[in-house]
Structure formats: C-alpha cells, structure tokens
Amino acid sequence: MDKDRIVGSAKEFAGRAEGAVGDLAGDAQTQASGKAREAAGTVQNLYGQAKDAVRDAADTATSYAKDAYDNSGETFRDGSKAIAQKVQDNPFGALLVAGGIGFALALLMSRPARRPPPRWRYYG
C-alpha cells in the first residue's frame, strides 16, 4: 500500500471530523476548511491508488515476461518433439514438403538478375 493512500485517508478523515465540528459549532470557516482538507485527502488517496495500480500492473507484466522467458526453452523442446513425431508418423509427406521447399529455394536462387530494359536513343 502506498504512503499517499495512508496520508490521504488520514487527511480525509481529519477533514470530515473538522467539518463535523464546524457544523456543530456553526462556524462556516471551520466547515469550509474541513471540506477542503477532506477533498485534498481524497485526491491524495486516489493518487496513491493510481500509483498502486501502476505498480501492480508493472509487477504483473514483469512476472508474465519472466514466466514466458523461463518457459521458452520448454516450449521449443515441445515443438521440436511434435515435429519429430509428425515426421516419424508420415515420413513420405515430410520428404515431399522438404523437397518442395528445397525446389522453391533453388528456383529463387538460380534466377538471373533482372536487367532493366534497354534504353534506345534516337538521334535525329
């Protein structure tokens, strides 16, 4: 809990008490001062709540990022195992896919570079 929340709650309570004393005594200045202190306490309390919310969100995001980083190797291993199992289940299909990828790469790499069209100059 943020200290602004604690101080804000204390100011808000003190402002309410001061406003109540002003009501009982019939003193408008004390009432106004109490309302002002109560409002300042409310604002400070809300500020502390906002800081707590940002801190909690940052902690949660950090925790998620750390978990994702820690489990990334495990996820990669699981994916590798799944691919290996698919290859073992259907070796001919895996061979066709690998051959198709190799053929496509060979076509892309063996194409001659594109040349710009010749520019004809007419002298007249």
C-alpha atoms as a PDB file:
ATOM      1  CA  MET A   1       0.000   0.000   0.000  1.00  0.00           C
ATOM      2  CA  ASP A   2       1.353   3.398  -0.979  1.00  0.00           C
ATOM      3  CA  LYS A   3       2.026   6.020   1.713  1.00  0.00           C
ATOM      4  CA  ASP A   4      -0.072   8.542  -0.236  1.00  0.00           C
ATOM      5  CA  ARG A   5      -3.105   6.324   0.323  1.00  0.00           C
ATOM      6  CA  ILE A   6      -2.493   6.270   4.069  1.00  0.00           C
ATOM      7  CA  VAL A   7      -1.838  10.011   4.345  1.00  0.00           C
ATOM      8  CA  GLY A   8      -4.759  10.758   2.037  1.00  0.00           C
ATOM      9  CA  SER A   9      -7.141   8.642   4.110  1.00  0.00           C
ATOM     10  CA  ALA A  10      -5.936  10.345   7.284  1.00  0.00           C
ATOM     11  CA  LYS A  11      -6.458  13.814   5.761  1.00  0.00           C
ATOM     12  CA  GLU A  12      -9.880  12.805   4.509  1.00  0.00           C
ATOM     13  CA  PHE A  13     -10.884  11.559   7.960  1.00  0.00           C
ATOM     14  CA  ALA A  14      -9.485  14.682   9.642  1.00  0.00           C
ATOM     15  CA  GLY A  15     -11.344  16.858   7.135  1.00  0.00           C
ATOM     16  CA  ARG A  16     -14.629  15.086   7.873  1.00  0.00           C
ATOM     17  CA  ALA A  17     -14.072  15.497  11.593  1.00  0.00           C
ATOM     18  CA  GLU A  18     -13.234  19.189  11.180  1.00  0.00           C
ATOM     19  CA  GLY A  19     -16.322  19.682   9.006  1.00  0.00           C
ATOM     20  CA  ALA A  20     -18.485  17.964  11.627  1.00  0.00           C
ATOM     21  CA  VAL A  21     -17.060  20.205  14.362  1.00  0.00           C
ATOM     22  CA  GLY A  22     -17.753  23.221  12.169  1.00  0.00           C
ATOM     23  CA  ASP A  23     -21.346  22.008  11.659  1.00  0.00           C
ATOM     24  CA  LEU A  24     -21.890  21.599  15.401  1.00  0.00           C
ATOM     25  CA  ALA A  25     -20.315  24.953  16.229  1.00  0.00           C
ATOM     26  CA  GLY A  26     -21.992  26.708  13.319  1.00  0.00           C
ATOM     27  CA  ASP A  27     -18.642  28.035  12.104  1.00  0.00           C
ATOM     28  CA  ALA A  28     -18.636  28.382   8.314  1.00  0.00           C
ATOM     29  CA  GLN A  29     -14.857  28.852   8.131  1.00  0.00           C
ATOM     30  CA  THR A  30     -14.207  25.592  10.017  1.00  0.00           C
ATOM     31  CA  GLN A  31     -16.730  23.802   7.784  1.00  0.00           C
ATOM     32  CA  ALA A  32     -15.023  25.097   4.641  1.00  0.00           C
ATOM     33  CA  SER A  33     -11.578  24.217   5.958  1.00  0.00           C
ATOM     34  CA  GLY A  34     -12.805  20.709   6.780  1.00  0.00           C
ATOM     35  CA  LYS A  35     -14.285  20.251   3.291  1.00  0.00           C
ATOM     36  CA  ALA A  36     -11.036  21.486   1.704  1.00  0.00           C
ATOM     37  CA  ARG A  37      -8.946  19.091   3.819  1.00  0.00           C
ATOM     38  CA  GLU A  38     -11.333  16.238   3.024  1.00  0.00           C
ATOM     39  CA  ALA A  39     -11.071  16.971  -0.720  1.00  0.00           C
ATOM     40  CA  ALA A  40      -7.264  17.153  -0.545  1.00  0.00           C
ATOM     41  CA  GLY A  41      -7.219  13.837   1.312  1.00  0.00           C
ATOM     42  CA  THR A  42      -9.483  12.246  -1.284  1.00  0.00           C
ATOM     43  CA  VAL A  43      -7.231  13.445  -4.106  1.00  0.00           C
ATOM     44  CA  GLN A  44      -4.096  12.184  -2.358  1.00  0.00           C
ATOM     45  CA  ASN A  45      -5.778   8.843  -1.640  1.00  0.00           C
ATOM     46  CA  LEU A  46      -6.760   8.479  -5.310  1.00  0.00           C
ATOM     47  CA  TYR A  47      -3.207   9.371  -6.348  1.00  0.00           C
ATOM     48  CA  GLY A  48      -1.882   6.637  -4.067  1.00  0.00           C
ATOM     49  CA  GLN A  49      -4.386   4.164  -5.510  1.00  0.00           C
ATOM     50  CA  ALA A  50      -3.246   5.043  -9.028  1.00  0.00           C
ATOM     51  CA  LYS A  51       0.393   4.521  -8.052  1.00  0.00           C
ATOM     52  CA  ASP A  52      -0.509   1.160  -6.530  1.00  0.00           C
ATOM     53  CA  ALA A  53      -2.373   0.148  -9.691  1.00  0.00           C
ATOM     54  CA  VAL A  54       0.584   1.080 -11.907  1.00  0.00           C
ATOM     55  CA  ARG A  55       2.993  -0.768  -9.628  1.00  0.00           C
ATOM     56  CA  ASP A  56       0.758  -3.859  -9.624  1.00  0.00           C
ATOM     57  CA  ALA A  57       0.429  -3.752 -13.426  1.00  0.00           C
ATOM     58  CA  ALA A  58       4.198  -3.446 -13.824  1.00  0.00           C
ATOM     59  CA  ASP A  59       4.772  -6.330 -11.417  1.00  0.00           C
ATOM     60  CA  THR A  60       2.248  -8.485 -13.281  1.00  0.00           C
ATOM     61  CA  ALA A  61       3.801  -7.674 -16.672  1.00  0.00           C
ATOM     62  CA  THR A  62       7.266  -8.436 -15.317  1.00  0.00           C
ATOM     63  CA  SER A  63       6.018 -11.723 -13.908  1.00  0.00           C
ATOM     64  CA  TYR A  64       4.421 -12.716 -17.232  1.00  0.00           C
ATOM     65  CA  ALA A  65       7.582 -11.800 -19.142  1.00  0.00           C
ATOM     66  CA  LYS A  66       9.754 -13.777 -16.738  1.00  0.00           C
ATOM     67  CA  ASP A  67       7.474 -16.820 -16.993  1.00  0.00           C
ATOM     68  CA  ALA A  68       7.499 -16.616 -20.790  1.00  0.00           C
ATOM     69  CA  TYR A  69      11.292 -16.375 -20.801  1.00  0.00           C
ATOM     70  CA  ASP A  70      11.683 -19.250 -18.351  1.00  0.00           C
ATOM     71  CA  ASN A  71       9.320 -21.493 -20.335  1.00  0.00           C
ATOM     72  CA  SER A  72      10.602 -20.601 -23.813  1.00  0.00           C
ATOM     73  CA  GLY A  73      13.120 -23.452 -23.907  1.00  0.00           C
ATOM     74  CA  GLU A  74      10.464 -25.915 -22.806  1.00  0.00           C
ATOM     75  CA  THR A  75       8.069 -24.662 -25.473  1.00  0.00           C
ATOM     76  CA  PHE A  76      10.774 -25.015 -28.129  1.00  0.00           C
ATOM     77  CA  ARG A  77      11.519 -28.557 -26.985  1.00  0.00           C
ATOM     78  CA  ASP A  78       7.812 -29.427 -27.073  1.00  0.00           C
ATOM     79  CA  GLY A  79       7.529 -28.038 -30.602  1.00  0.00           C
ATOM     80  CA  SER A  80      10.596 -29.942 -31.726  1.00  0.00           C
ATOM     81  CA  LYS A  81       9.174 -33.157 -30.276  1.00  0.00           C
ATOM     82  CA  ALA A  82       5.858 -32.568 -32.041  1.00  0.00           C
ATOM     83  CA  ILE A  83       7.588 -32.026 -35.392  1.00  0.00           C
ATOM     84  CA  ALA A  84       9.756 -35.111 -34.885  1.00  0.00           C
ATOM     85  CA  GLN A  85       6.644 -37.156 -34.103  1.00  0.00           C
ATOM     86  CA  LYS A  86       4.904 -35.894 -37.279  1.00  0.00           C
ATOM     87  CA  VAL A  87       7.950 -36.828 -39.358  1.00  0.00           C
ATOM     88  CA  GLN A  88       8.018 -40.296 -37.788  1.00  0.00           C
ATOM     89  CA  ASP A  89       4.287 -40.746 -38.392  1.00  0.00           C
ATOM     90  CA  ASN A  90       4.443 -39.646 -42.034  1.00  0.00           C
ATOM     91  CA  PRO A  91       7.997 -39.736 -43.414  1.00  0.00           C
ATOM     92  CA  PHE A  92       6.920 -39.622 -47.062  1.00  0.00           C
ATOM     93  CA  GLY A  93       4.833 -36.447 -46.523  1.00  0.00           C
ATOM     94  CA  ALA A  94       7.712 -34.814 -44.659  1.00  0.00           C
ATOM     95  CA  LEU A  95      10.061 -35.729 -47.503  1.00  0.00           C
ATOM     96  CA  LEU A  96       7.698 -34.187 -50.065  1.00  0.00           C
ATOM     97  CA  VAL A  97       7.376 -30.973 -48.048  1.00  0.00           C
ATOM     98  CA  ALA A  98      11.149 -30.682 -47.594  1.00  0.00           C
ATOM     99  CA  GLY A  99      11.717 -31.388 -51.290  1.00  0.00           C
ATOM    100  CA  GLY A 100       9.147 -28.752 -52.285  1.00  0.00           C
ATOM    101  CA  ILE A 101      10.778 -26.149 -50.089  1.00  0.00           C
ATOM    102  CA  GLY A 102      14.209 -27.017 -51.490  1.00  0.00           C
ATOM    103  CA  PHE A 103      12.929 -26.820 -55.080  1.00  0.00           C
ATOM    104  CA  ALA A 104      11.323 -23.416 -54.453  1.00  0.00           C
ATOM    105  CA  LEU A 105      14.536 -22.081 -52.908  1.00  0.00           C
ATOM    106  CA  ALA A 106      16.593 -23.411 -55.817  1.00  0.00           C
ATOM    107  CA  LEU A 107      14.299 -21.652 -58.297  1.00  0.00           C
ATOM    108  CA  LEU A 108      14.556 -18.392 -56.423  1.00  0.00           C
ATOM    109  CA  MET A 109      18.324 -18.544 -56.129  1.00  0.00           C
ATOM    110  CA  SER A 110      19.073 -19.651 -59.700  1.00  0.00           C
ATOM    111  CA  ARG A 111      17.057 -16.974 -61.466  1.00  0.00           C
ATOM    112  CA  PRO A 112      19.190 -14.456 -63.311  1.00  0.00           C
ATOM    113  CA  ALA A 113      19.149 -10.929 -62.045  1.00  0.00           C
ATOM    114  CA  ARG A 114      16.547  -8.747 -63.650  1.00  0.00           C
ATOM    115  CA  ARG A 115      18.042  -6.312 -66.065  1.00  0.00           C
ATOM    116  CA  PRO A 116      16.461  -3.006 -66.825  1.00  0.00           C
ATOM    117  CA  PRO A 117      15.079  -2.722 -70.348  1.00  0.00           C
ATOM    118  CA  PRO A 118      17.489  -1.217 -72.850  1.00  0.00           C
ATOM    119  CA  ARG A 119      17.123   2.479 -73.425  1.00  0.00           C
ATOM    120  CA  TRP A 120      17.097   3.392 -77.069  1.00  0.00           C
ATOM    121  CA  ARG A 121      18.405   6.681 -78.068  1.00  0.00           C
ATOM    122  CA  TYR A 122      17.227   8.213 -81.234  1.00  0.00           C
ATOM    123  CA  TYR A 123      19.339  10.897 -82.698  1.00  0.00           C
ATOM    124  CA  GLY A 124      17.512  12.962 -85.140  1.00  0.00           C
END
